[in-house]
């Protein structure tokens, strides 16, 4: 029983580690609809990162900060809402609209995929 308990605790620690947080996985799934996936490492990642940075500089300060908190730091909607004094639903709306604008911006920049 002791071995089983220890294995279960080890698995729990592994699954709940900060880098494996399900919130972060969810936030990356949200971004997958507007950012292409480059796996071959051909240098397009850097150009894409620069395009995203240019896009974010054009956005309203609060929208930009909410976007960065969610997709860079992996914060939950509740944490973002509390941090900026807005409702969770408002934060979700900001993220949805920013992702939509980002997708359009990337299409204009030549990142057609699907």
PDB file of N, CA and C in Angstrom:
ATOM      1  N   UNK A   1       0.831  -1.198   0.000  1.00  0.00           N
ATOM      2  CA  UNK A   1       0.000   0.000   0.000  1.00  0.00           C
ATOM      3  C   UNK A   1       0.870   1.254   0.000  1.00  0.00           C
ATOM      4  N   UNK A   2       1.976   1.182   0.733  1.00  0.00           N
ATOM      5  CA  UNK A   2       2.851   2.344   0.807  1.00  0.00           C
ATOM      6  C   UNK A   2       3.439   2.665  -0.576  1.00  0.00           C
ATOM      7  N   UNK A   3       3.839   1.653  -1.307  1.00  0.00           N
ATOM      8  CA  UNK A   3       4.396   1.848  -2.649  1.00  0.00           C
ATOM      9  C   UNK A   3       3.354   2.463  -3.575  1.00  0.00           C
ATOM     10  N   UNK A   4       2.135   1.962  -3.518  1.00  0.00           N
ATOM     11  CA  UNK A   4       1.059   2.479  -4.361  1.00  0.00           C
ATOM     12  C   UNK A   4       0.794   3.946  -4.016  1.00  0.00           C
ATOM     13  N   UNK A   5       0.747   4.249  -2.721  1.00  0.00           N
ATOM     14  CA  UNK A   5       0.521   5.623  -2.287  1.00  0.00           C
ATOM     15  C   UNK A   5       1.627   6.541  -2.804  1.00  0.00           C
ATOM     16  N   UNK A   6       2.867   6.122  -2.663  1.00  0.00           N
ATOM     17  CA  UNK A   6       3.991   6.937  -3.128  1.00  0.00           C
ATOM     18  C   UNK A   6       3.970   7.123  -4.639  1.00  0.00           C
ATOM     19  N   UNK A   7       3.644   6.071  -5.367  1.00  0.00           N
ATOM     20  CA  UNK A   7       3.537   6.188  -6.834  1.00  0.00           C
ATOM     21  C   UNK A   7       2.423   7.163  -7.211  1.00  0.00           C
ATOM     22  N   UNK A   8       1.306   7.083  -6.509  1.00  0.00           N
ATOM     23  CA  UNK A   8       0.192   7.993  -6.782  1.00  0.00           C
ATOM     24  C   UNK A   8       0.594   9.432  -6.489  1.00  0.00           C
ATOM     25  N   UNK A   9       1.295   9.665  -5.391  1.00  0.00           N
ATOM     26  CA  UNK A   9       1.755  11.014  -5.069  1.00  0.00           C
ATOM     27  C   UNK A   9       2.763  11.522  -6.096  1.00  0.00           C
ATOM     28  N   UNK A  10       3.662  10.649  -6.521  1.00  0.00           N
ATOM     29  CA  UNK A  10       4.626  11.033  -7.558  1.00  0.00           C
ATOM     30  C   UNK A  10       3.912  11.430  -8.847  1.00  0.00           C
ATOM     31  N   UNK A  11       2.914  10.658  -9.243  1.00  0.00           N
ATOM     32  CA  UNK A  11       2.153  10.942 -10.466  1.00  0.00           C
ATOM     33  C   UNK A  11       1.392  12.260 -10.317  1.00  0.00           C
ATOM     34  N   UNK A  12       0.818  12.489  -9.145  1.00  0.00           N
ATOM     35  CA  UNK A  12       0.103  13.742  -8.896  1.00  0.00           C
ATOM     36  C   UNK A  12       1.053  14.934  -9.028  1.00  0.00           C
ATOM     37  N   UNK A  13       2.223  14.835  -8.419  1.00  0.00           N
ATOM     38  CA  UNK A  13       3.212  15.914  -8.515  1.00  0.00           C
ATOM     39  C   UNK A  13       3.635  16.129  -9.963  1.00  0.00           C
ATOM     40  N   UNK A  14       3.834  15.043 -10.701  1.00  0.00           N
ATOM     41  CA  UNK A  14       4.227  15.136 -12.109  1.00  0.00           C
ATOM     42  C   UNK A  14       3.145  15.829 -12.928  1.00  0.00           C
ATOM     43  N   UNK A  15       1.897  15.405 -12.737  1.00  0.00           N
ATOM     44  CA  UNK A  15       0.784  15.970 -13.516  1.00  0.00           C
ATOM     45  C   UNK A  15       0.441  17.400 -13.134  1.00  0.00           C
ATOM     46  N   UNK A  16       0.717  17.789 -11.908  1.00  0.00           N
ATOM     47  CA  UNK A  16       0.345  19.133 -11.481  1.00  0.00           C
ATOM     48  C   UNK A  16       1.522  20.097 -11.449  1.00  0.00           C
ATOM     49  N   UNK A  17       2.649  19.688 -12.003  1.00  0.00           N
ATOM     50  CA  UNK A  17       3.796  20.588 -12.080  1.00  0.00           C
ATOM     51  C   UNK A  17       3.410  21.820 -12.882  1.00  0.00           C
ATOM     52  N   UNK A  18       3.998  22.972 -12.555  1.00  0.00           N
ATOM     53  CA  UNK A  18       3.614  24.241 -13.176  1.00  0.00           C
ATOM     54  C   UNK A  18       3.754  24.205 -14.696  1.00  0.00           C
ATOM     55  N   UNK A  19       4.792  23.564 -15.203  1.00  0.00           N
ATOM     56  CA  UNK A  19       4.991  23.525 -16.653  1.00  0.00           C
ATOM     57  C   UNK A  19       3.954  22.648 -17.342  1.00  0.00           C
ATOM     58  N   UNK A  20       3.333  21.743 -16.602  1.00  0.00           N
ATOM     59  CA  UNK A  20       2.327  20.868 -17.186  1.00  0.00           C
ATOM     60  C   UNK A  20       0.918  21.293 -16.819  1.00  0.00           C
ATOM     61  N   UNK A  21       0.773  22.494 -16.367  1.00  0.00           N
ATOM     62  CA  UNK A  21      -0.523  22.985 -15.931  1.00  0.00           C
ATOM     63  C   UNK A  21      -1.541  22.889 -17.065  1.00  0.00           C
ATOM     64  N   UNK A  22      -2.713  22.388 -16.738  1.00  0.00           N
ATOM     65  CA  UNK A  22      -3.750  22.251 -17.762  1.00  0.00           C
ATOM     66  C   UNK A  22      -4.211  23.618 -18.254  1.00  0.00           C
ATOM     67  N   UNK A  23      -4.108  24.665 -17.419  1.00  0.00           N
ATOM     68  CA  UNK A  23      -4.479  26.008 -17.862  1.00  0.00           C
ATOM     69  C   UNK A  23      -3.586  26.456 -19.006  1.00  0.00           C
ATOM     70  N   UNK A  24      -2.309  26.119 -18.909  1.00  0.00           N
ATOM     71  CA  UNK A  24      -1.380  26.510 -19.960  1.00  0.00           C
ATOM     72  C   UNK A  24      -1.678  25.741 -21.251  1.00  0.00           C
ATOM     73  N   UNK A  25      -2.017  24.469 -21.121  1.00  0.00           N
ATOM     74  CA  UNK A  25      -2.367  23.668 -22.290  1.00  0.00           C
ATOM     75  C   UNK A  25      -3.618  24.218 -22.960  1.00  0.00           C
ATOM     76  N   UNK A  26      -4.584  24.633 -22.166  1.00  0.00           N
ATOM     77  CA  UNK A  26      -5.817  25.206 -22.706  1.00  0.00           C
ATOM     78  C   UNK A  26      -5.513  26.500 -23.441  1.00  0.00           C
ATOM     79  N   UNK A  27      -4.660  27.335 -22.857  1.00  0.00           N
ATOM     80  CA  UNK A  27      -4.353  28.607 -23.504  1.00  0.00           C
ATOM     81  C   UNK A  27      -3.621  28.391 -24.823  1.00  0.00           C
ATOM     82  N   UNK A  28      -2.771  27.376 -24.897  1.00  0.00           N
ATOM     83  CA  UNK A  28      -2.088  27.089 -26.157  1.00  0.00           C
ATOM     84  C   UNK A  28      -3.052  26.548 -27.204  1.00  0.00           C
ATOM     85  N   UNK A  29      -4.042  25.780 -26.760  1.00  0.00           N
ATOM     86  CA  UNK A  29      -5.067  25.307 -27.691  1.00  0.00           C
ATOM     87  C   UNK A  29      -5.850  26.478 -28.275  1.00  0.00           C
ATOM     88  N   UNK A  30      -6.114  27.491 -27.456  1.00  0.00           N
ATOM     89  CA  UNK A  30      -6.823  28.674 -27.936  1.00  0.00           C
ATOM     90  C   UNK A  30      -6.024  29.375 -29.034  1.00  0.00           C
ATOM     91  N   UNK A  31      -4.721  29.453 -28.849  1.00  0.00           N
ATOM     92  CA  UNK A  31      -3.869  30.141 -29.826  1.00  0.00           C
ATOM     93  C   UNK A  31      -3.686  29.343 -31.114  1.00  0.00           C
ATOM     94  N   UNK A  32      -3.875  28.044 -31.048  1.00  0.00           N
ATOM     95  CA  UNK A  32      -3.633  27.214 -32.228  1.00  0.00           C
ATOM     96  C   UNK A  32      -4.542  27.571 -33.404  1.00  0.00           C
ATOM     97  N   UNK A  33      -5.660  28.235 -33.132  1.00  0.00           N
ATOM     98  CA  UNK A  33      -6.571  28.599 -34.206  1.00  0.00           C
ATOM     99  C   UNK A  33      -6.080  29.785 -35.033  1.00  0.00           C
ATOM    100  N   UNK A  34      -5.104  30.532 -34.516  1.00  0.00           N
ATOM    101  CA  UNK A  34      -4.670  31.709 -35.267  1.00  0.00           C
ATOM    102  C   UNK A  34      -3.172  31.754 -35.545  1.00  0.00           C
ATOM    103  N   UNK A  35      -2.395  30.849 -34.996  1.00  0.00           N
ATOM    104  CA  UNK A  35      -0.947  30.860 -35.220  1.00  0.00           C
ATOM    105  C   UNK A  35      -0.534  29.540 -35.857  1.00  0.00           C
ATOM    106  N   UNK A  36       0.171  29.598 -36.978  1.00  0.00           N
ATOM    107  CA  UNK A  36       0.608  28.363 -37.626  1.00  0.00           C
ATOM    108  C   UNK A  36       1.639  27.625 -36.787  1.00  0.00           C
ATOM    109  N   UNK A  37       1.735  26.331 -36.998  1.00  0.00           N
ATOM    110  CA  UNK A  37       2.660  25.479 -36.256  1.00  0.00           C
ATOM    111  C   UNK A  37       3.863  25.177 -37.139  1.00  0.00           C
ATOM    112  N   UNK A  38       5.046  25.684 -36.739  1.00  0.00           N
ATOM    113  CA  UNK A  38       6.278  25.409 -37.458  1.00  0.00           C
ATOM    114  C   UNK A  38       7.101  24.444 -36.627  1.00  0.00           C
ATOM    115  N   UNK A  39       7.328  23.254 -37.143  1.00  0.00           N
ATOM    116  CA  UNK A  39       8.091  22.264 -36.387  1.00  0.00           C
ATOM    117  C   UNK A  39       9.463  21.998 -36.982  1.00  0.00           C
ATOM    118  N   UNK A  40       9.698  22.416 -38.190  1.00  0.00           N
ATOM    119  CA  UNK A  40      10.964  22.070 -38.820  1.00  0.00           C
ATOM    120  C   UNK A  40      12.101  23.026 -38.493  1.00  0.00           C
ATOM    121  N   UNK A  41      11.851  24.129 -37.824  1.00  0.00           N
ATOM    122  CA  UNK A  41      12.910  25.029 -37.383  1.00  0.00           C
ATOM    123  C   UNK A  41      13.620  25.738 -38.516  1.00  0.00           C
ATOM    124  N   UNK A  42      12.882  26.194 -39.515  1.00  0.00           N
ATOM    125  CA  UNK A  42      13.476  26.837 -40.672  1.00  0.00           C
ATOM    126  C   UNK A  42      13.648  28.338 -40.546  1.00  0.00           C
ATOM    127  N   UNK A  43      13.576  28.890 -39.374  1.00  0.00           N
ATOM    128  CA  UNK A  43      13.758  30.317 -39.204  1.00  0.00           C
ATOM    129  C   UNK A  43      12.482  31.126 -39.314  1.00  0.00           C
ATOM    130  N   UNK A  44      11.409  30.492 -39.721  1.00  0.00           N
ATOM    131  CA  UNK A  44      10.137  31.215 -39.832  1.00  0.00           C
ATOM    132  C   UNK A  44       9.567  31.544 -38.460  1.00  0.00           C
ATOM    133  N   UNK A  45      10.008  30.825 -37.428  1.00  0.00           N
ATOM    134  CA  UNK A  45       9.521  31.094 -36.080  1.00  0.00           C
ATOM    135  C   UNK A  45       9.892  32.503 -35.641  1.00  0.00           C
ATOM    136  N   UNK A  46      11.116  32.920 -35.954  1.00  0.00           N
ATOM    137  CA  UNK A  46      11.570  34.251 -35.551  1.00  0.00           C
ATOM    138  C   UNK A  46      10.762  35.333 -36.276  1.00  0.00           C
ATOM    139  N   UNK A  47      10.524  35.145 -37.556  1.00  0.00           N
ATOM    140  CA  UNK A  47       9.727  36.111 -38.317  1.00  0.00           C
ATOM    141  C   UNK A  47       8.293  36.161 -37.787  1.00  0.00           C
ATOM    142  N   UNK A  48       7.749  34.992 -37.440  1.00  0.00           N
ATOM    143  CA  UNK A  48       6.404  34.946 -36.873  1.00  0.00           C
ATOM    144  C   UNK A  48       6.365  35.662 -35.526  1.00  0.00           C
ATOM    145  N   UNK A  49       7.365  35.435 -34.694  1.00  0.00           N
ATOM    146  CA  UNK A  49       7.433  36.102 -33.387  1.00  0.00           C
ATOM    147  C   UNK A  49       7.509  37.615 -33.551  1.00  0.00           C
ATOM    148  N   UNK A  50       8.277  38.077 -34.518  1.00  0.00           N
ATOM    149  CA  UNK A  50       8.376  39.513 -34.772  1.00  0.00           C
ATOM    150  C   UNK A  50       7.045  40.078 -35.268  1.00  0.00           C
ATOM    151  N   UNK A  51       6.349  39.310 -36.105  1.00  0.00           N
ATOM    152  CA  UNK A  51       5.040  39.759 -36.603  1.00  0.00           C
ATOM    153  C   UNK A  51       4.035  39.860 -35.453  1.00  0.00           C
ATOM    154  N   UNK A  52       4.067  38.891 -34.550  1.00  0.00           N
ATOM    155  CA  UNK A  52       3.163  38.929 -33.399  1.00  0.00           C
ATOM    156  C   UNK A  52       3.495  40.126 -32.507  1.00  0.00           C
ATOM    157  N   UNK A  53       4.775  40.394 -32.315  1.00  0.00           N
ATOM    158  CA  UNK A  53       5.187  41.550 -31.507  1.00  0.00           C
ATOM    159  C   UNK A  53       4.714  42.853 -32.136  1.00  0.00           C
ATOM    160  N   UNK A  54       4.861  42.967 -33.464  1.00  0.00           N
ATOM    161  CA  UNK A  54       4.380  44.175 -34.157  1.00  0.00           C
ATOM    162  C   UNK A  54       2.877  44.333 -33.967  1.00  0.00           C
ATOM    163  N   UNK A  55       2.153  43.225 -34.084  1.00  0.00           N
ATOM    164  CA  UNK A  55       0.704  43.252 -33.903  1.00  0.00           C
ATOM    165  C   UNK A  55       0.345  43.718 -32.494  1.00  0.00           C
ATOM    166  N   UNK A  56       1.006  43.150 -31.491  1.00  0.00           N
ATOM    167  CA  UNK A  56       0.677  43.495 -30.110  1.00  0.00           C
ATOM    168  C   UNK A  56       0.959  44.962 -29.797  1.00  0.00           C
ATOM    169  N   UNK A  57       1.974  45.531 -30.444  1.00  0.00           N
ATOM    170  CA  UNK A  57       2.271  46.950 -30.229  1.00  0.00           C
ATOM    171  C   UNK A  57       1.155  47.854 -30.751  1.00  0.00           C
ATOM    172  N   UNK A  58       0.339  47.361 -31.668  1.00  0.00           N
ATOM    173  CA  UNK A  58      -0.751  48.163 -32.222  1.00  0.00           C
ATOM    174  C   UNK A  58      -2.024  48.069 -31.384  1.00  0.00           C
ATOM    175  N   UNK A  59      -2.048  47.194 -30.405  1.00  0.00           N
ATOM    176  CA  UNK A  59      -3.251  46.955 -29.623  1.00  0.00           C
ATOM    177  C   UNK A  59      -3.337  47.879 -28.419  1.00  0.00           C
ATOM    178  N   UNK A  60      -4.556  48.053 -27.951  1.00  0.00           N
ATOM    179  CA  UNK A  60      -4.825  48.805 -26.732  1.00  0.00           C
ATOM    180  C   UNK A  60      -4.019  48.191 -25.577  1.00  0.00           C
ATOM    181  N   UNK A  61      -3.548  49.029 -24.659  1.00  0.00           N
ATOM    182  CA  UNK A  61      -2.671  48.560 -23.582  1.00  0.00           C
ATOM    183  C   UNK A  61      -3.304  47.447 -22.745  1.00  0.00           C
ATOM    184  N   UNK A  62      -4.557  47.600 -22.348  1.00  0.00           N
ATOM    185  CA  UNK A  62      -5.204  46.586 -21.522  1.00  0.00           C
ATOM    186  C   UNK A  62      -5.371  45.274 -22.285  1.00  0.00           C
ATOM    187  N   UNK A  63      -5.791  45.356 -23.550  1.00  0.00           N
ATOM    188  CA  UNK A  63      -5.947  44.142 -24.357  1.00  0.00           C
ATOM    189  C   UNK A  63      -4.604  43.429 -24.511  1.00  0.00           C
ATOM    190  N   UNK A  64      -3.568  44.197 -24.745  1.00  0.00           N
ATOM    191  CA  UNK A  64      -2.226  43.627 -24.905  1.00  0.00           C
ATOM    192  C   UNK A  64      -1.777  42.937 -23.614  1.00  0.00           C
ATOM    193  N   UNK A  65      -1.997  43.598 -22.481  1.00  0.00           N
ATOM    194  CA  UNK A  65      -1.578  43.023 -21.207  1.00  0.00           C
ATOM    195  C   UNK A  65      -2.356  41.750 -20.875  1.00  0.00           C
ATOM    196  N   UNK A  66      -3.653  41.749 -21.149  1.00  0.00           N
ATOM    197  CA  UNK A  66      -4.466  40.555 -20.913  1.00  0.00           C
ATOM    198  C   UNK A  66      -3.965  39.410 -21.795  1.00  0.00           C
ATOM    199  N   UNK A  67      -3.684  39.704 -23.055  1.00  0.00           N
ATOM    200  CA  UNK A  67      -3.181  38.706 -23.996  1.00  0.00           C
ATOM    201  C   UNK A  67      -1.854  38.112 -23.505  1.00  0.00           C
ATOM    202  N   UNK A  68      -0.950  38.956 -23.080  1.00  0.00           N
ATOM    203  CA  UNK A  68       0.365  38.496 -22.629  1.00  0.00           C
ATOM    204  C   UNK A  68       0.239  37.680 -21.340  1.00  0.00           C
ATOM    205  N   UNK A  69      -0.603  38.132 -20.413  1.00  0.00           N
ATOM    206  CA  UNK A  69      -0.785  37.376 -19.161  1.00  0.00           C
ATOM    207  C   UNK A  69      -1.320  35.980 -19.454  1.00  0.00           C
ATOM    208  N   UNK A  70      -2.211  35.877 -20.421  1.00  0.00           N
ATOM    209  CA  UNK A  70      -2.820  34.565 -20.716  1.00  0.00           C
ATOM    210  C   UNK A  70      -1.858  33.660 -21.474  1.00  0.00           C
ATOM    211  N   UNK A  71      -1.244  34.185 -22.528  1.00  0.00           N
ATOM    212  CA  UNK A  71      -0.495  33.310 -23.429  1.00  0.00           C
ATOM    213  C   UNK A  71       1.005  33.279 -23.179  1.00  0.00           C
ATOM    214  N   UNK A  72       1.547  34.208 -22.428  1.00  0.00           N
ATOM    215  CA  UNK A  72       2.974  34.148 -22.098  1.00  0.00           C
ATOM    216  C   UNK A  72       3.151  33.575 -20.703  1.00  0.00           C
ATOM    217  N   UNK A  73       2.371  34.110 -19.750  1.00  0.00           N
ATOM    218  CA  UNK A  73       2.497  33.660 -18.369  1.00  0.00           C
ATOM    219  C   UNK A  73       1.569  32.495 -18.025  1.00  0.00           C
ATOM    220  N   UNK A  74       0.582  32.214 -18.885  1.00  0.00           N
ATOM    221  CA  UNK A  74      -0.323  31.093 -18.661  1.00  0.00           C
ATOM    222  C   UNK A  74      -1.314  31.310 -17.530  1.00  0.00           C
ATOM    223  N   UNK A  75      -1.624  32.565 -17.225  1.00  0.00           N
ATOM    224  CA  UNK A  75      -2.563  32.855 -16.140  1.00  0.00           C
ATOM    225  C   UNK A  75      -3.983  32.437 -16.513  1.00  0.00           C
ATOM    226  N   UNK A  76      -4.749  32.062 -15.511  1.00  0.00           N
ATOM    227  CA  UNK A  76      -6.153  31.716 -15.726  1.00  0.00           C
ATOM    228  C   UNK A  76      -6.962  32.994 -15.941  1.00  0.00           C
ATOM    229  N   UNK A  77      -8.157  32.822 -16.485  1.00  0.00           N
ATOM    230  CA  UNK A  77      -9.032  33.972 -16.688  1.00  0.00           C
ATOM    231  C   UNK A  77      -9.390  34.624 -15.356  1.00  0.00           C
ATOM    232  N   UNK A  78      -9.597  33.814 -14.331  1.00  0.00           N
ATOM    233  CA  UNK A  78      -9.944  34.358 -13.012  1.00  0.00           C
ATOM    234  C   UNK A  78      -8.804  35.221 -12.460  1.00  0.00           C
ATOM    235  N   UNK A  79      -7.584  34.744 -12.623  1.00  0.00           N
ATOM    236  CA  UNK A  79      -6.429  35.488 -12.116  1.00  0.00           C
ATOM    237  C   UNK A  79      -6.241  36.792 -12.884  1.00  0.00           C
ATOM    238  N   UNK A  80      -6.417  36.744 -14.198  1.00  0.00           N
ATOM    239  CA  UNK A  80      -6.295  37.945 -15.029  1.00  0.00           C
ATOM    240  C   UNK A  80      -7.373  38.960 -14.644  1.00  0.00           C
ATOM    241  N   UNK A  81      -8.600  38.475 -14.496  1.00  0.00           N
ATOM    242  CA  UNK A  81      -9.716  39.360 -14.142  1.00  0.00           C
ATOM    243  C   UNK A  81      -9.459  40.032 -12.796  1.00  0.00           C
ATOM    244  N   UNK A  82      -8.986  39.266 -11.842  1.00  0.00           N
ATOM    245  CA  UNK A  82      -8.693  39.830 -10.522  1.00  0.00           C
ATOM    246  C   UNK A  82      -7.555  40.847 -10.609  1.00  0.00           C
ATOM    247  N   UNK A  83      -6.529  40.522 -11.363  1.00  0.00           N
ATOM    248  CA  UNK A  83      -5.346  41.369 -11.474  1.00  0.00           C
ATOM    249  C   UNK A  83      -5.672  42.740 -12.077  1.00  0.00           C
ATOM    250  N   UNK A  84      -6.541  42.750 -13.104  1.00  0.00           N
ATOM    251  CA  UNK A  84      -6.868  44.008 -13.780  1.00  0.00           C
ATOM    252  C   UNK A  84      -8.203  44.608 -13.356  1.00  0.00           C
ATOM    253  N   UNK A  85      -8.900  43.967 -12.432  1.00  0.00           N
ATOM    254  CA  UNK A  85     -10.159  44.514 -11.929  1.00  0.00           C
ATOM    255  C   UNK A  85     -11.280  44.481 -12.956  1.00  0.00           C
ATOM    256  N   UNK A  86     -11.319  43.417 -13.748  1.00  0.00           N
ATOM    257  CA  UNK A  86     -12.379  43.252 -14.744  1.00  0.00           C
ATOM    258  C   UNK A  86     -13.071  41.915 -14.496  1.00  0.00           C
ATOM    259  N   UNK A  87     -14.179  41.686 -15.168  1.00  0.00           N
ATOM    260  CA  UNK A  87     -14.888  40.412 -15.042  1.00  0.00           C
ATOM    261  C   UNK A  87     -14.194  39.356 -15.896  1.00  0.00           C
ATOM    262  N   UNK A  88     -14.351  38.094 -15.504  1.00  0.00           N
ATOM    263  CA  UNK A  88     -13.767  36.994 -16.278  1.00  0.00           C
ATOM    264  C   UNK A  88     -14.294  36.991 -17.705  1.00  0.00           C
ATOM    265  N   UNK A  89     -15.569  37.228 -17.836  1.00  0.00           N
ATOM    266  CA  UNK A  89     -16.192  37.229 -19.169  1.00  0.00           C
ATOM    267  C   UNK A  89     -15.602  38.341 -20.038  1.00  0.00           C
ATOM    268  N   UNK A  90     -15.308  39.485 -19.437  1.00  0.00           N
ATOM    269  CA  UNK A  90     -14.692  40.594 -20.170  1.00  0.00           C
ATOM    270  C   UNK A  90     -13.297  40.196 -20.645  1.00  0.00           C
ATOM    271  N   UNK A  91     -12.534  39.550 -19.769  1.00  0.00           N
ATOM    272  CA  UNK A  91     -11.193  39.084 -20.151  1.00  0.00           C
ATOM    273  C   UNK A  91     -11.283  38.080 -21.292  1.00  0.00           C
ATOM    274  N   UNK A  92     -12.255  37.176 -21.213  1.00  0.00           N
ATOM    275  CA  UNK A  92     -12.435  36.179 -22.278  1.00  0.00           C
ATOM    276  C   UNK A  92     -12.797  36.862 -23.600  1.00  0.00           C
ATOM    277  N   UNK A  93     -13.629  37.881 -23.539  1.00  0.00           N
ATOM    278  CA  UNK A  93     -14.006  38.625 -24.740  1.00  0.00           C
ATOM    279  C   UNK A  93     -12.801  39.347 -25.333  1.00  0.00           C
ATOM    280  N   UNK A  94     -11.993  39.985 -24.483  1.00  0.00           N
ATOM    281  CA  UNK A  94     -10.770  40.645 -24.956  1.00  0.00           C
ATOM    282  C   UNK A  94      -9.868  39.650 -25.684  1.00  0.00           C
ATOM    283  N   UNK A  95      -9.705  38.470 -25.085  1.00  0.00           N
ATOM    284  CA  UNK A  95      -8.836  37.460 -25.690  1.00  0.00           C
ATOM    285  C   UNK A  95      -9.394  36.968 -27.022  1.00  0.00           C
ATOM    286  N   UNK A  96     -10.696  36.730 -27.064  1.00  0.00           N
ATOM    287  CA  UNK A  96     -11.320  36.268 -28.308  1.00  0.00           C
ATOM    288  C   UNK A  96     -11.125  37.287 -29.423  1.00  0.00           C
ATOM    289  N   UNK A  97     -11.400  38.538 -29.126  1.00  0.00           N
ATOM    290  CA  UNK A  97     -11.284  39.585 -30.144  1.00  0.00           C
ATOM    291  C   UNK A  97      -9.829  39.795 -30.568  1.00  0.00           C
ATOM    292  N   UNK A  98      -8.909  39.719 -29.624  1.00  0.00           N
ATOM    293  CA  UNK A  98      -7.493  39.897 -29.956  1.00  0.00           C
ATOM    294  C   UNK A  98      -7.000  38.741 -30.808  1.00  0.00           C
ATOM    295  N   UNK A  99      -7.412  37.513 -30.491  1.00  0.00           N
ATOM    296  CA  UNK A  99      -7.031  36.362 -31.329  1.00  0.00           C
ATOM    297  C   UNK A  99      -7.576  36.512 -32.744  1.00  0.00           C
ATOM    298  N   UNK A 100      -8.807  36.984 -32.853  1.00  0.00           N
ATOM    299  CA  UNK A 100      -9.427  37.182 -34.167  1.00  0.00           C
ATOM    300  C   UNK A 100      -8.652  38.227 -34.977  1.00  0.00           C
ATOM    301  N   UNK A 101      -8.291  39.345 -34.325  1.00  0.00           N
ATOM    302  CA  UNK A 101      -7.504  40.378 -34.996  1.00  0.00           C
ATOM    303  C   UNK A 101      -6.125  39.858 -35.371  1.00  0.00           C
ATOM    304  N   UNK A 102      -5.520  39.064 -34.485  1.00  0.00           N
ATOM    305  CA  UNK A 102      -4.202  38.491 -34.761  1.00  0.00           C
ATOM    306  C   UNK A 102      -4.251  37.581 -35.978  1.00  0.00           C
ATOM    307  N   UNK A 103      -5.276  36.773 -36.074  1.00  0.00           N
ATOM    308  CA  UNK A 103      -5.419  35.872 -37.224  1.00  0.00           C
ATOM    309  C   UNK A 103      -5.504  36.671 -38.525  1.00  0.00           C
ATOM    310  N   UNK A 104      -6.299  37.727 -38.519  1.00  0.00           N
ATOM    311  CA  UNK A 104      -6.414  38.577 -39.707  1.00  0.00           C
ATOM    312  C   UNK A 104      -5.083  39.264 -40.031  1.00  0.00           C
ATOM    313  N   UNK A 105      -4.409  39.744 -39.006  1.00  0.00           N
ATOM    314  CA  UNK A 105      -3.114  40.403 -39.195  1.00  0.00           C
ATOM    315  C   UNK A 105      -2.096  39.434 -39.802  1.00  0.00           C
ATOM    316  N   UNK A 106      -2.069  38.217 -39.286  1.00  0.00           N
ATOM    317  CA  UNK A 106      -1.114  37.230 -39.808  1.00  0.00           C
ATOM    318  C   UNK A 106      -1.443  36.828 -41.246  1.00  0.00           C
ATOM    319  N   UNK A 107      -2.715  36.802 -41.589  1.00  0.00           N
ATOM    320  CA  UNK A 107      -3.090  36.526 -42.978  1.00  0.00           C
ATOM    321  C   UNK A 107      -2.560  37.621 -43.894  1.00  0.00           C
ATOM    322  N   UNK A 108      -2.675  38.883 -43.458  1.00  0.00           N
ATOM    323  CA  UNK A 108      -2.164  40.004 -44.243  1.00  0.00           C
ATOM    324  C   UNK A 108      -0.646  39.943 -44.365  1.00  0.00           C
ATOM    325  N   UNK A 109       0.014  39.405 -43.344  1.00  0.00           N
ATOM    326  CA  UNK A 109       1.477  39.266 -43.341  1.00  0.00           C
ATOM    327  C   UNK A 109       1.954  38.068 -44.152  1.00  0.00           C
ATOM    328  N   UNK A 110       1.008  37.269 -44.654  1.00  0.00           N
ATOM    329  CA  UNK A 110       1.382  36.135 -45.504  1.00  0.00           C
ATOM    330  C   UNK A 110       1.441  34.796 -44.800  1.00  0.00           C
ATOM    331  N   UNK A 111       0.896  34.690 -43.620  1.00  0.00           N
ATOM    332  CA  UNK A 111       0.888  33.429 -42.898  1.00  0.00           C
ATOM    333  C   UNK A 111      -0.427  32.705 -43.142  1.00  0.00           C
ATOM    334  N   UNK A 112      -0.629  32.286 -44.376  1.00  0.00           N
ATOM    335  CA  UNK A 112      -1.818  31.533 -44.750  1.00  0.00           C
ATOM    336  C   UNK A 112      -1.590  30.056 -44.425  1.00  0.00           C
ATOM    337  N   UNK A 113      -2.501  29.473 -43.742  1.00  0.00           N
ATOM    338  CA  UNK A 113      -2.420  28.060 -43.421  1.00  0.00           C
ATOM    339  C   UNK A 113      -3.809  27.544 -43.125  1.00  0.00           C
ATOM    340  N   UNK A 114      -3.968  26.270 -42.914  1.00  0.00           N
ATOM    341  CA  UNK A 114      -5.197  25.595 -42.508  1.00  0.00           C
ATOM    342  C   UNK A 114      -5.384  24.354 -43.258  1.00  0.00           C
TER     343      UNK A 114
END
